[in-house]
Amino acid sequence: MRAEEKKLLLDVSEACLSIEQRCAGHTFEQYTADRWFRRAVEREFEIIGEALNRLDRLAPVVASRITSLRHIVDFRNRIIHGCDSVDDVIVWRTVQHHLPTLKAEVEGLLGEE
């Protein structure tokens, strides 16, 4: 794996960990009540989506091993370009149900080196 590919995967891994740590022990109600909390989580998803978008252009074979890559990049675009219409329920569900899979896939790729 080339250094740039690894760096992008590390960016994704670190952002996943950041979201995980920030959300641990919190409820959806706490998430929706705290603007800074929401913005921090959204920002980490922006980083994830941008890193995966770049990875897809740089190393499409590696990127193809992220099962929901296109959905993740689209999610990032929705957060950035539709900031007035971000659905907190969707973000929270993504944290709870999809982030662990992404994290595991990225860690698996990083572990192959």
PDB file of N, CA and C in Angstrom:
ATOM      1  N   MET A   1       0.851  -1.180   0.000  1.00  0.00           N
ATOM      2  CA  MET A   1       0.000   0.000   0.000  1.00  0.00           C
ATOM      3  C   MET A   1       0.894   1.241   0.000  1.00  0.00           C
ATOM      4  N   ARG A   2       0.548   2.169  -0.869  1.00  0.00           N
ATOM      5  CA  ARG A   2       1.324   3.407  -0.948  1.00  0.00           C
ATOM      6  C   ARG A   2       1.021   4.307   0.256  1.00  0.00           C
ATOM      7  N   ALA A   3       1.960   5.191   0.525  1.00  0.00           N
ATOM      8  CA  ALA A   3       1.863   6.074   1.694  1.00  0.00           C
ATOM      9  C   ALA A   3       0.597   6.929   1.668  1.00  0.00           C
ATOM     10  N   GLU A   4       0.230   7.461   0.523  1.00  0.00           N
ATOM     11  CA  GLU A   4      -0.958   8.320   0.430  1.00  0.00           C
ATOM     12  C   GLU A   4      -2.236   7.527   0.708  1.00  0.00           C
ATOM     13  N   GLU A   5      -2.303   6.300   0.223  1.00  0.00           N
ATOM     14  CA  GLU A   5      -3.461   5.445   0.501  1.00  0.00           C
ATOM     15  C   GLU A   5      -3.570   5.195   2.004  1.00  0.00           C
ATOM     16  N   LYS A   6      -2.447   4.867   2.612  1.00  0.00           N
ATOM     17  CA  LYS A   6      -2.423   4.607   4.046  1.00  0.00           C
ATOM     18  C   LYS A   6      -2.846   5.846   4.829  1.00  0.00           C
ATOM     19  N   LYS A   7      -2.353   7.022   4.420  1.00  0.00           N
ATOM     20  CA  LYS A   7      -2.710   8.257   5.107  1.00  0.00           C
ATOM     21  C   LYS A   7      -4.222   8.489   5.048  1.00  0.00           C
ATOM     22  N   LEU A   8      -4.827   8.275   3.894  1.00  0.00           N
ATOM     23  CA  LEU A   8      -6.274   8.472   3.759  1.00  0.00           C
ATOM     24  C   LEU A   8      -7.042   7.485   4.635  1.00  0.00           C
ATOM     25  N   LEU A   9      -6.594   6.239   4.653  1.00  0.00           N
ATOM     26  CA  LEU A   9      -7.251   5.248   5.513  1.00  0.00           C
ATOM     27  C   LEU A   9      -7.074   5.585   6.989  1.00  0.00           C
ATOM     28  N   LEU A  10      -5.904   6.098   7.345  1.00  0.00           N
ATOM     29  CA  LEU A  10      -5.689   6.523   8.739  1.00  0.00           C
ATOM     30  C   LEU A  10      -6.600   7.700   9.098  1.00  0.00           C
ATOM     31  N   ASP A  11      -6.803   8.615   8.158  1.00  0.00           N
ATOM     32  CA  ASP A  11      -7.733   9.723   8.399  1.00  0.00           C
ATOM     33  C   ASP A  11      -9.133   9.193   8.693  1.00  0.00           C
ATOM     34  N   VAL A  12      -9.558   8.211   7.919  1.00  0.00           N
ATOM     35  CA  VAL A  12     -10.882   7.612   8.136  1.00  0.00           C
ATOM     36  C   VAL A  12     -10.927   6.917   9.492  1.00  0.00           C
ATOM     37  N   SER A  13      -9.903   6.141   9.787  1.00  0.00           N
ATOM     38  CA  SER A  13      -9.855   5.416  11.053  1.00  0.00           C
ATOM     39  C   SER A  13      -9.901   6.365  12.248  1.00  0.00           C
ATOM     40  N   GLU A  14      -9.110   7.433  12.190  1.00  0.00           N
ATOM     41  CA  GLU A  14      -9.086   8.397  13.287  1.00  0.00           C
ATOM     42  C   GLU A  14     -10.427   9.112  13.447  1.00  0.00           C
ATOM     43  N   ALA A  15     -11.074   9.438  12.331  1.00  0.00           N
ATOM     44  CA  ALA A  15     -12.380  10.098  12.401  1.00  0.00           C
ATOM     45  C   ALA A  15     -13.431   9.145  12.968  1.00  0.00           C
ATOM     46  N   CYS A  16     -13.368   7.878  12.585  1.00  0.00           N
ATOM     47  CA  CYS A  16     -14.294   6.881  13.150  1.00  0.00           C
ATOM     48  C   CYS A  16     -14.114   6.788  14.660  1.00  0.00           C
ATOM     49  N   LEU A  17     -12.869   6.709  15.091  1.00  0.00           N
ATOM     50  CA  LEU A  17     -12.573   6.621  16.516  1.00  0.00           C
ATOM     51  C   LEU A  17     -13.055   7.866  17.252  1.00  0.00           C
ATOM     52  N   SER A  18     -12.863   9.015  16.666  1.00  0.00           N
ATOM     53  CA  SER A  18     -13.309  10.266  17.271  1.00  0.00           C
ATOM     54  C   SER A  18     -14.827  10.276  17.461  1.00  0.00           C
ATOM     55  N   ILE A  19     -15.550   9.854  16.441  1.00  0.00           N
ATOM     56  CA  ILE A  19     -17.013   9.799  16.541  1.00  0.00           C
ATOM     57  C   ILE A  19     -17.428   8.794  17.616  1.00  0.00           C
ATOM     58  N   GLU A  20     -16.801   7.639  17.582  1.00  0.00           N
ATOM     59  CA  GLU A  20     -17.099   6.596  18.566  1.00  0.00           C
ATOM     60  C   GLU A  20     -16.906   7.106  19.993  1.00  0.00           C
ATOM     61  N   GLN A  21     -15.774   7.727  20.227  1.00  0.00           N
ATOM     62  CA  GLN A  21     -15.463   8.223  21.567  1.00  0.00           C
ATOM     63  C   GLN A  21     -16.415   9.332  21.983  1.00  0.00           C
ATOM     64  N   ARG A  22     -16.721  10.229  21.077  1.00  0.00           N
ATOM     65  CA  ARG A  22     -17.594  11.366  21.405  1.00  0.00           C
ATOM     66  C   ARG A  22     -19.017  10.912  21.686  1.00  0.00           C
ATOM     67  N   CYS A  23     -19.465   9.881  20.980  1.00  0.00           N
ATOM     68  CA  CYS A  23     -20.855   9.437  21.117  1.00  0.00           C
ATOM     69  C   CYS A  23     -21.060   8.396  22.215  1.00  0.00           C
ATOM     70  N   ALA A  24     -19.986   7.783  22.661  1.00  0.00           N
ATOM     71  CA  ALA A  24     -20.093   6.729  23.677  1.00  0.00           C
ATOM     72  C   ALA A  24     -20.788   7.253  24.931  1.00  0.00           C
ATOM     73  N   GLY A  25     -21.791   6.525  25.357  1.00  0.00           N
ATOM     74  CA  GLY A  25     -22.506   6.877  26.576  1.00  0.00           C
ATOM     75  C   GLY A  25     -23.515   7.997  26.422  1.00  0.00           C
ATOM     76  N   HIS A  26     -23.688   8.506  25.219  1.00  0.00           N
ATOM     77  CA  HIS A  26     -24.643   9.585  24.991  1.00  0.00           C
ATOM     78  C   HIS A  26     -25.908   9.054  24.315  1.00  0.00           C
ATOM     79  N   THR A  27     -26.980   9.765  24.516  1.00  0.00           N
ATOM     80  CA  THR A  27     -28.257   9.409  23.900  1.00  0.00           C
ATOM     81  C   THR A  27     -28.520  10.303  22.700  1.00  0.00           C
ATOM     82  N   PHE A  28     -29.493   9.902  21.909  1.00  0.00           N
ATOM     83  CA  PHE A  28     -29.919  10.715  20.784  1.00  0.00           C
ATOM     84  C   PHE A  28     -30.409  12.078  21.265  1.00  0.00           C
ATOM     85  N   GLU A  29     -31.086  12.093  22.376  1.00  0.00           N
ATOM     86  CA  GLU A  29     -31.597  13.350  22.926  1.00  0.00           C
ATOM     87  C   GLU A  29     -30.450  14.293  23.284  1.00  0.00           C
ATOM     88  N   GLN A  30     -29.388  13.748  23.852  1.00  0.00           N
ATOM     89  CA  GLN A  30     -28.225  14.572  24.164  1.00  0.00           C
ATOM     90  C   GLN A  30     -27.569  15.085  22.887  1.00  0.00           C
ATOM     91  N   TYR A  31     -27.535  14.230  21.899  1.00  0.00           N
ATOM     92  CA  TYR A  31     -26.958  14.619  20.611  1.00  0.00           C
ATOM     93  C   TYR A  31     -27.737  15.780  19.994  1.00  0.00           C
ATOM     94  N   THR A  32     -29.039  15.666  19.953  1.00  0.00           N
ATOM     95  CA  THR A  32     -29.841  16.713  19.312  1.00  0.00           C
ATOM     96  C   THR A  32     -29.870  18.004  20.123  1.00  0.00           C
ATOM     97  N   ALA A  33     -29.655  17.913  21.412  1.00  0.00           N
ATOM     98  CA  ALA A  33     -29.713  19.100  22.270  1.00  0.00           C
ATOM     99  C   ALA A  33     -28.429  19.928  22.245  1.00  0.00           C
ATOM    100  N   ASP A  34     -27.355  19.386  21.707  1.00  0.00           N
ATOM    101  CA  ASP A  34     -26.054  20.044  21.778  1.00  0.00           C
ATOM    102  C   ASP A  34     -25.518  20.322  20.371  1.00  0.00           C
ATOM    103  N   ARG A  35     -25.622  21.568  19.965  1.00  0.00           N
ATOM    104  CA  ARG A  35     -25.199  21.952  18.613  1.00  0.00           C
ATOM    105  C   ARG A  35     -23.730  21.631  18.358  1.00  0.00           C
ATOM    106  N   TRP A  36     -22.852  21.910  19.314  1.00  0.00           N
ATOM    107  CA  TRP A  36     -21.437  21.642  19.133  1.00  0.00           C
ATOM    108  C   TRP A  36     -21.172  20.150  18.979  1.00  0.00           C
ATOM    109  N   PHE A  37     -21.895  19.347  19.704  1.00  0.00           N
ATOM    110  CA  PHE A  37     -21.792  17.885  19.603  1.00  0.00           C
ATOM    111  C   PHE A  37     -22.159  17.454  18.183  1.00  0.00           C
ATOM    112  N   ARG A  38     -23.302  17.937  17.700  1.00  0.00           N
ATOM    113  CA  ARG A  38     -23.749  17.585  16.347  1.00  0.00           C
ATOM    114  C   ARG A  38     -22.736  18.026  15.303  1.00  0.00           C
ATOM    115  N   ARG A  39     -22.255  19.244  15.441  1.00  0.00           N
ATOM    116  CA  ARG A  39     -21.305  19.775  14.458  1.00  0.00           C
ATOM    117  C   ARG A  39     -19.991  18.995  14.467  1.00  0.00           C
ATOM    118  N   ALA A  40     -19.548  18.586  15.628  1.00  0.00           N
ATOM    119  CA  ALA A  40     -18.307  17.802  15.709  1.00  0.00           C
ATOM    120  C   ALA A  40     -18.465  16.461  14.995  1.00  0.00           C
ATOM    121  N   VAL A  41     -19.579  15.798  15.215  1.00  0.00           N
ATOM    122  CA  VAL A  41     -19.831  14.509  14.562  1.00  0.00           C
ATOM    123  C   VAL A  41     -19.954  14.710  13.052  1.00  0.00           C
ATOM    124  N   GLU A  42     -20.690  15.716  12.647  1.00  0.00           N
ATOM    125  CA  GLU A  42     -20.840  15.990  11.216  1.00  0.00           C
ATOM    126  C   GLU A  42     -19.488  16.276  10.570  1.00  0.00           C
ATOM    127  N   ARG A  43     -18.639  17.038  11.241  1.00  0.00           N
ATOM    128  CA  ARG A  43     -17.315  17.357  10.699  1.00  0.00           C
ATOM    129  C   ARG A  43     -16.487  16.103  10.505  1.00  0.00           C
ATOM    130  N   GLU A  44     -16.548  15.187  11.448  1.00  0.00           N
ATOM    131  CA  GLU A  44     -15.805  13.933  11.303  1.00  0.00           C
ATOM    132  C   GLU A  44     -16.331  13.125  10.113  1.00  0.00           C
ATOM    133  N   PHE A  45     -17.646  13.148   9.894  1.00  0.00           N
ATOM    134  CA  PHE A  45     -18.196  12.462   8.719  1.00  0.00           C
ATOM    135  C   PHE A  45     -17.749  13.144   7.430  1.00  0.00           C
ATOM    136  N   GLU A  46     -17.593  14.454   7.457  1.00  0.00           N
ATOM    137  CA  GLU A  46     -17.062  15.162   6.285  1.00  0.00           C
ATOM    138  C   GLU A  46     -15.647  14.678   5.971  1.00  0.00           C
ATOM    139  N   ILE A  47     -14.833  14.535   7.000  1.00  0.00           N
ATOM    140  CA  ILE A  47     -13.454  14.057   6.828  1.00  0.00           C
ATOM    141  C   ILE A  47     -13.456  12.642   6.263  1.00  0.00           C
ATOM    142  N   ILE A  48     -14.298  11.785   6.811  1.00  0.00           N
ATOM    143  CA  ILE A  48     -14.399  10.404   6.332  1.00  0.00           C
ATOM    144  C   ILE A  48     -14.777  10.385   4.852  1.00  0.00           C
ATOM    145  N   GLY A  49     -15.816  11.118   4.503  1.00  0.00           N
ATOM    146  CA  GLY A  49     -16.286  11.121   3.119  1.00  0.00           C
ATOM    147  C   GLY A  49     -15.269  11.681   2.147  1.00  0.00           C
ATOM    148  N   GLU A  50     -14.588  12.745   2.541  1.00  0.00           N
ATOM    149  CA  GLU A  50     -13.576  13.334   1.657  1.00  0.00           C
ATOM    150  C   GLU A  50     -12.388  12.393   1.491  1.00  0.00           C
ATOM    151  N   ALA A  51     -11.940  11.783   2.576  1.00  0.00           N
ATOM    152  CA  ALA A  51     -10.815  10.849   2.485  1.00  0.00           C
ATOM    153  C   ALA A  51     -11.162   9.658   1.589  1.00  0.00           C
ATOM    154  N   LEU A  52     -12.373   9.134   1.722  1.00  0.00           N
ATOM    155  CA  LEU A  52     -12.767   7.996   0.891  1.00  0.00           C
ATOM    156  C   LEU A  52     -12.958   8.410  -0.568  1.00  0.00           C
ATOM    157  N   ASN A  53     -13.429   9.600  -0.798  1.00  0.00           N
ATOM    158  CA  ASN A  53     -13.565  10.098  -2.164  1.00  0.00           C
ATOM    159  C   ASN A  53     -12.188  10.190  -2.824  1.00  0.00           C
ATOM    160  N   ARG A  54     -11.211  10.713  -2.088  1.00  0.00           N
ATOM    161  CA  ARG A  54      -9.847  10.804  -2.614  1.00  0.00           C
ATOM    162  C   ARG A  54      -9.239   9.419  -2.820  1.00  0.00           C
ATOM    163  N   LEU A  55      -9.497   8.514  -1.881  1.00  0.00           N
ATOM    164  CA  LEU A  55      -8.999   7.150  -2.006  1.00  0.00           C
ATOM    165  C   LEU A  55      -9.566   6.493  -3.263  1.00  0.00           C
ATOM    166  N   ASP A  56     -10.827   6.738  -3.543  1.00  0.00           N
ATOM    167  CA  ASP A  56     -11.467   6.154  -4.721  1.00  0.00           C
ATOM    168  C   ASP A  56     -10.792   6.632  -5.998  1.00  0.00           C
ATOM    169  N   ARG A  57     -10.387   7.878  -6.042  1.00  0.00           N
ATOM    170  CA  ARG A  57      -9.692   8.410  -7.226  1.00  0.00           C
ATOM    171  C   ARG A  57      -8.254   7.902  -7.307  1.00  0.00           C
ATOM    172  N   LEU A  58      -7.600   7.789  -6.152  1.00  0.00           N
ATOM    173  CA  LEU A  58      -6.188   7.404  -6.093  1.00  0.00           C
ATOM    174  C   LEU A  58      -5.976   5.896  -6.248  1.00  0.00           C
ATOM    175  N   ALA A  59      -6.817   5.122  -5.585  1.00  0.00           N
ATOM    176  CA  ALA A  59      -6.638   3.667  -5.544  1.00  0.00           C
ATOM    177  C   ALA A  59      -8.003   2.978  -5.589  1.00  0.00           C
ATOM    178  N   PRO A  60      -8.632   2.960  -6.747  1.00  0.00           N
ATOM    179  CA  PRO A  60      -9.985   2.410  -6.844  1.00  0.00           C
ATOM    180  C   PRO A  60     -10.106   0.946  -6.412  1.00  0.00           C
ATOM    181  N   VAL A  61      -9.056   0.179  -6.585  1.00  0.00           N
ATOM    182  CA  VAL A  61      -9.114  -1.231  -6.168  1.00  0.00           C
ATOM    183  C   VAL A  61      -9.218  -1.323  -4.646  1.00  0.00           C
ATOM    184  N   VAL A  62      -8.430  -0.527  -3.950  1.00  0.00           N
ATOM    185  CA  VAL A  62      -8.490  -0.500  -2.485  1.00  0.00           C
ATOM    186  C   VAL A  62      -9.840   0.052  -2.041  1.00  0.00           C
ATOM    187  N   ALA A  63     -10.255   1.155  -2.650  1.00  0.00           N
ATOM    188  CA  ALA A  63     -11.522   1.791  -2.277  1.00  0.00           C
ATOM    189  C   ALA A  63     -12.712   0.865  -2.489  1.00  0.00           C
ATOM    190  N   SER A  64     -12.634   0.006  -3.476  1.00  0.00           N
ATOM    191  CA  SER A  64     -13.756  -0.902  -3.763  1.00  0.00           C
ATOM    192  C   SER A  64     -13.994  -1.897  -2.641  1.00  0.00           C
ATOM    193  N   ARG A  65     -13.051  -2.012  -1.732  1.00  0.00           N
ATOM    194  CA  ARG A  65     -13.200  -2.931  -0.605  1.00  0.00           C
ATOM    195  C   ARG A  65     -13.968  -2.309   0.559  1.00  0.00           C
ATOM    196  N   ILE A  66     -14.325  -1.020   0.428  1.00  0.00           N
ATOM    197  CA  ILE A  66     -15.200  -0.360   1.400  1.00  0.00           C
ATOM    198  C   ILE A  66     -16.620  -0.525   0.862  1.00  0.00           C
ATOM    199  N   THR A  67     -17.408  -1.342   1.518  1.00  0.00           N
ATOM    200  CA  THR A  67     -18.689  -1.761   0.942  1.00  0.00           C
ATOM    201  C   THR A  67     -19.674  -0.628   0.678  1.00  0.00           C
ATOM    202  N   SER A  68     -19.670   0.387   1.481  1.00  0.00           N
ATOM    203  CA  SER A  68     -20.641   1.478   1.318  1.00  0.00           C
ATOM    204  C   SER A  68     -19.987   2.780   0.888  1.00  0.00           C
ATOM    205  N   LEU A  69     -18.876   2.678   0.184  1.00  0.00           N
ATOM    206  CA  LEU A  69     -18.114   3.876  -0.152  1.00  0.00           C
ATOM    207  C   LEU A  69     -18.970   4.950  -0.825  1.00  0.00           C
ATOM    208  N   ARG A  70     -19.723   4.601  -1.832  1.00  0.00           N
ATOM    209  CA  ARG A  70     -20.514   5.595  -2.556  1.00  0.00           C
ATOM    210  C   ARG A  70     -21.535   6.253  -1.641  1.00  0.00           C
ATOM    211  N   HIS A  71     -22.181   5.478  -0.773  1.00  0.00           N
ATOM    212  CA  HIS A  71     -23.153   6.043   0.173  1.00  0.00           C
ATOM    213  C   HIS A  71     -22.474   6.987   1.165  1.00  0.00           C
ATOM    214  N   ILE A  72     -21.272   6.641   1.582  1.00  0.00           N
ATOM    215  CA  ILE A  72     -20.537   7.467   2.540  1.00  0.00           C
ATOM    216  C   ILE A  72     -20.161   8.804   1.909  1.00  0.00           C
ATOM    217  N   VAL A  73     -19.667   8.762   0.687  1.00  0.00           N
ATOM    218  CA  VAL A  73     -19.300  10.001  -0.011  1.00  0.00           C
ATOM    219  C   VAL A  73     -20.549  10.856  -0.245  1.00  0.00           C
ATOM    220  N   ASP A  74     -21.650  10.215  -0.640  1.00  0.00           N
ATOM    221  CA  ASP A  74     -22.903  10.954  -0.830  1.00  0.00           C
ATOM    222  C   ASP A  74     -23.384  11.573   0.484  1.00  0.00           C
ATOM    223  N   PHE A  75     -23.213  10.846   1.590  1.00  0.00           N
ATOM    224  CA  PHE A  75     -23.583  11.336   2.915  1.00  0.00           C
ATOM    225  C   PHE A  75     -22.765  12.572   3.262  1.00  0.00           C
ATOM    226  N   ARG A  76     -21.479  12.523   2.969  1.00  0.00           N
ATOM    227  CA  ARG A  76     -20.595  13.673   3.192  1.00  0.00           C
ATOM    228  C   ARG A  76     -21.063  14.876   2.380  1.00  0.00           C
ATOM    229  N   ASN A  77     -21.406  14.639   1.133  1.00  0.00           N
ATOM    230  CA  ASN A  77     -21.876  15.733   0.269  1.00  0.00           C
ATOM    231  C   ASN A  77     -23.168  16.339   0.798  1.00  0.00           C
ATOM    232  N   ARG A  78     -24.036  15.505   1.321  1.00  0.00           N
ATOM    233  CA  ARG A  78     -25.310  15.989   1.881  1.00  0.00           C
ATOM    234  C   ARG A  78     -25.052  16.879   3.101  1.00  0.00           C
ATOM    235  N   ILE A  79     -24.113  16.461   3.944  1.00  0.00           N
ATOM    236  CA  ILE A  79     -23.791  17.249   5.132  1.00  0.00           C
ATOM    237  C   ILE A  79     -23.199  18.606   4.729  1.00  0.00           C
ATOM    238  N   ILE A  80     -22.274  18.583   3.782  1.00  0.00           N
ATOM    239  CA  ILE A  80     -21.600  19.825   3.392  1.00  0.00           C
ATOM    240  C   ILE A  80     -22.518  20.756   2.611  1.00  0.00           C
ATOM    241  N   HIS A  81     -23.206  20.216   1.632  1.00  0.00           N
ATOM    242  CA  HIS A  81     -23.970  21.071   0.719  1.00  0.00           C
ATOM    243  C   HIS A  81     -25.425  21.256   1.127  1.00  0.00           C
ATOM    244  N   GLY A  82     -25.898  20.424   2.023  1.00  0.00           N
ATOM    245  CA  GLY A  82     -27.273  20.550   2.477  1.00  0.00           C
ATOM    246  C   GLY A  82     -27.341  20.731   3.975  1.00  0.00           C
ATOM    247  N   CYS A  83     -26.417  21.550   4.495  1.00  0.00           N
ATOM    248  CA  CYS A  83     -26.284  21.682   5.948  1.00  0.00           C
ATOM    249  C   CYS A  83     -27.584  22.110   6.626  1.00  0.00           C
ATOM    250  N   ASP A  84     -28.461  22.770   5.879  1.00  0.00           N
ATOM    251  CA  ASP A  84     -29.733  23.187   6.468  1.00  0.00           C
ATOM    252  C   ASP A  84     -30.760  22.054   6.480  1.00  0.00           C
ATOM    253  N   SER A  85     -30.407  20.939   5.850  1.00  0.00           N
ATOM    254  CA  SER A  85     -31.364  19.831   5.795  1.00  0.00           C
ATOM    255  C   SER A  85     -30.780  18.515   6.309  1.00  0.00           C
ATOM    256  N   VAL A  86     -29.732  18.601   7.125  1.00  0.00           N
ATOM    257  CA  VAL A  86     -29.146  17.391   7.704  1.00  0.00           C
ATOM    258  C   VAL A  86     -30.136  16.811   8.706  1.00  0.00           C
ATOM    259  N   ASP A  87     -30.427  15.542   8.557  1.00  0.00           N
ATOM    260  CA  ASP A  87     -31.380  14.859   9.425  1.00  0.00           C
ATOM    261  C   ASP A  87     -30.622  14.213  10.583  1.00  0.00           C
ATOM    262  N   ASP A  88     -30.848  14.724  11.783  1.00  0.00           N
ATOM    263  CA  ASP A  88     -30.148  14.205  12.967  1.00  0.00           C
ATOM    264  C   ASP A  88     -30.409  12.722  13.190  1.00  0.00           C
ATOM    265  N   VAL A  89     -31.586  12.266  12.859  1.00  0.00           N
ATOM    266  CA  VAL A  89     -31.915  10.840  13.018  1.00  0.00           C
ATOM    267  C   VAL A  89     -31.011   9.994  12.128  1.00  0.00           C
ATOM    268  N   ILE A  90     -30.831  10.428  10.898  1.00  0.00           N
ATOM    269  CA  ILE A  90     -29.984   9.671   9.969  1.00  0.00           C
ATOM    270  C   ILE A  90     -28.536   9.675  10.438  1.00  0.00           C
ATOM    271  N   VAL A  91     -28.050  10.812  10.897  1.00  0.00           N
ATOM    272  CA  VAL A  91     -26.666  10.878  11.384  1.00  0.00           C
ATOM    273  C   VAL A  91     -26.498   9.935  12.572  1.00  0.00           C
ATOM    274  N   TRP A  92     -27.415   9.991  13.528  1.00  0.00           N
ATOM    275  CA  TRP A  92     -27.300   9.158  14.725  1.00  0.00           C
ATOM    276  C   TRP A  92     -27.391   7.671  14.371  1.00  0.00           C
ATOM    277  N   ARG A  93     -28.294   7.316  13.478  1.00  0.00           N
ATOM    278  CA  ARG A  93     -28.400   5.912  13.047  1.00  0.00           C
ATOM    279  C   ARG A  93     -27.122   5.460  12.349  1.00  0.00           C
ATOM    280  N   THR A  94     -26.531   6.358  11.589  1.00  0.00           N
ATOM    281  CA  THR A  94     -25.274   6.029  10.915  1.00  0.00           C
ATOM    282  C   THR A  94     -24.187   5.753  11.943  1.00  0.00           C
ATOM    283  N   VAL A  95     -24.129   6.564  12.969  1.00  0.00           N
ATOM    284  CA  VAL A  95     -23.158   6.353  14.049  1.00  0.00           C
ATOM    285  C   VAL A  95     -23.390   4.986  14.683  1.00  0.00           C
ATOM    286  N   GLN A  96     -24.625   4.682  14.990  1.00  0.00           N
ATOM    287  CA  GLN A  96     -24.952   3.461  15.724  1.00  0.00           C
ATOM    288  C   GLN A  96     -24.854   2.191  14.885  1.00  0.00           C
ATOM    289  N   HIS A  97     -25.243   2.265  13.616  1.00  0.00           N
ATOM    290  CA  HIS A  97     -25.412   1.043  12.820  1.00  0.00           C
ATOM    291  C   HIS A  97     -24.389   0.848  11.696  1.00  0.00           C
ATOM    292  N   HIS A  98     -23.808   1.920  11.185  1.00  0.00           N
ATOM    293  CA  HIS A  98     -22.929   1.774  10.025  1.00  0.00           C
ATOM    294  C   HIS A  98     -21.459   2.081  10.316  1.00  0.00           C
ATOM    295  N   LEU A  99     -21.211   2.922  11.279  1.00  0.00           N
ATOM    296  CA  LEU A  99     -19.833   3.290  11.598  1.00  0.00           C
ATOM    297  C   LEU A  99     -18.982   2.088  12.022  1.00  0.00           C
ATOM    298  N   PRO A 100     -19.512   1.166  12.838  1.00  0.00           N
ATOM    299  CA  PRO A 100     -18.685   0.020  13.230  1.00  0.00           C
ATOM    300  C   PRO A 100     -18.213  -0.822  12.037  1.00  0.00           C
ATOM    301  N   THR A 101     -19.057  -0.978  11.028  1.00  0.00           N
ATOM    302  CA  THR A 101     -18.669  -1.741   9.838  1.00  0.00           C
ATOM    303  C   THR A 101     -17.565  -1.026   9.081  1.00  0.00           C
ATOM    304  N   LEU A 102     -17.729   0.268   8.885  1.00  0.00           N
ATOM    305  CA  LEU A 102     -16.702   1.047   8.193  1.00  0.00           C
ATOM    306  C   LEU A 102     -15.382   0.965   8.944  1.00  0.00           C
ATOM    307  N   LYS A 103     -15.439   1.144  10.230  1.00  0.00           N
ATOM    308  CA  LYS A 103     -14.217   1.102  11.043  1.00  0.00           C
ATOM    309  C   LYS A 103     -13.521  -0.253  10.889  1.00  0.00           C
ATOM    310  N   ALA A 104     -14.276  -1.329  10.944  1.00  0.00           N
ATOM    311  CA  ALA A 104     -13.700  -2.670  10.811  1.00  0.00           C
ATOM    312  C   ALA A 104     -13.082  -2.882   9.433  1.00  0.00           C
ATOM    313  N   GLU A 105     -13.749  -2.412   8.392  1.00  0.00           N
ATOM    314  CA  GLU A 105     -13.203  -2.567   7.045  1.00  0.00           C
ATOM    315  C   GLU A 105     -11.894  -1.791   6.884  1.00  0.00           C
ATOM    316  N   VAL A 106     -11.870  -0.576   7.380  1.00  0.00           N
ATOM    317  CA  VAL A 106     -10.667   0.255   7.266  1.00  0.00           C
ATOM    318  C   VAL A 106      -9.531  -0.344   8.088  1.00  0.00           C
ATOM    319  N   GLU A 107      -9.818  -0.790   9.286  1.00  0.00           N
ATOM    320  CA  GLU A 107      -8.781  -1.410  10.111  1.00  0.00           C
ATOM    321  C   GLU A 107      -8.244  -2.671   9.449  1.00  0.00           C
ATOM    322  N   GLY A 108      -9.126  -3.426   8.793  1.00  0.00           N
ATOM    323  CA  GLY A 108      -8.689  -4.609   8.061  1.00  0.00           C
ATOM    324  C   GLY A 108      -7.731  -4.263   6.939  1.00  0.00           C
ATOM    325  N   LEU A 109      -8.048  -3.214   6.198  1.00  0.00           N
ATOM    326  CA  LEU A 109      -7.154  -2.772   5.120  1.00  0.00           C
ATOM    327  C   LEU A 109      -5.811  -2.298   5.675  1.00  0.00           C
ATOM    328  N   LEU A 110      -5.856  -1.537   6.753  1.00  0.00           N
ATOM    329  CA  LEU A 110      -4.615  -1.055   7.357  1.00  0.00           C
ATOM    330  C   LEU A 110      -3.780  -2.216   7.917  1.00  0.00           C
ATOM    331  N   GLY A 111      -4.450  -3.234   8.389  1.00  0.00           N
ATOM    332  CA  GLY A 111      -3.745  -4.377   8.958  1.00  0.00           C
ATOM    333  C   GLY A 111      -3.067  -5.270   7.930  1.00  0.00           C
ATOM    334  N   GLU A 112      -3.411  -5.100   6.671  1.00  0.00           N
ATOM    335  CA  GLU A 112      -2.807  -5.918   5.615  1.00  0.00           C
ATOM    336  C   GLU A 112      -1.409  -5.476   5.238  1.00  0.00           C
ATOM    337  N   GLU A 113      -1.059  -4.290   5.661  1.00  0.00           N
ATOM    338  CA  GLU A 113       0.238  -3.762   5.241  1.00  0.00           C
ATOM    339  C   GLU A 113       1.395  -4.485   5.850  1.00  0.00           C
TER     340      GLU A 113
END
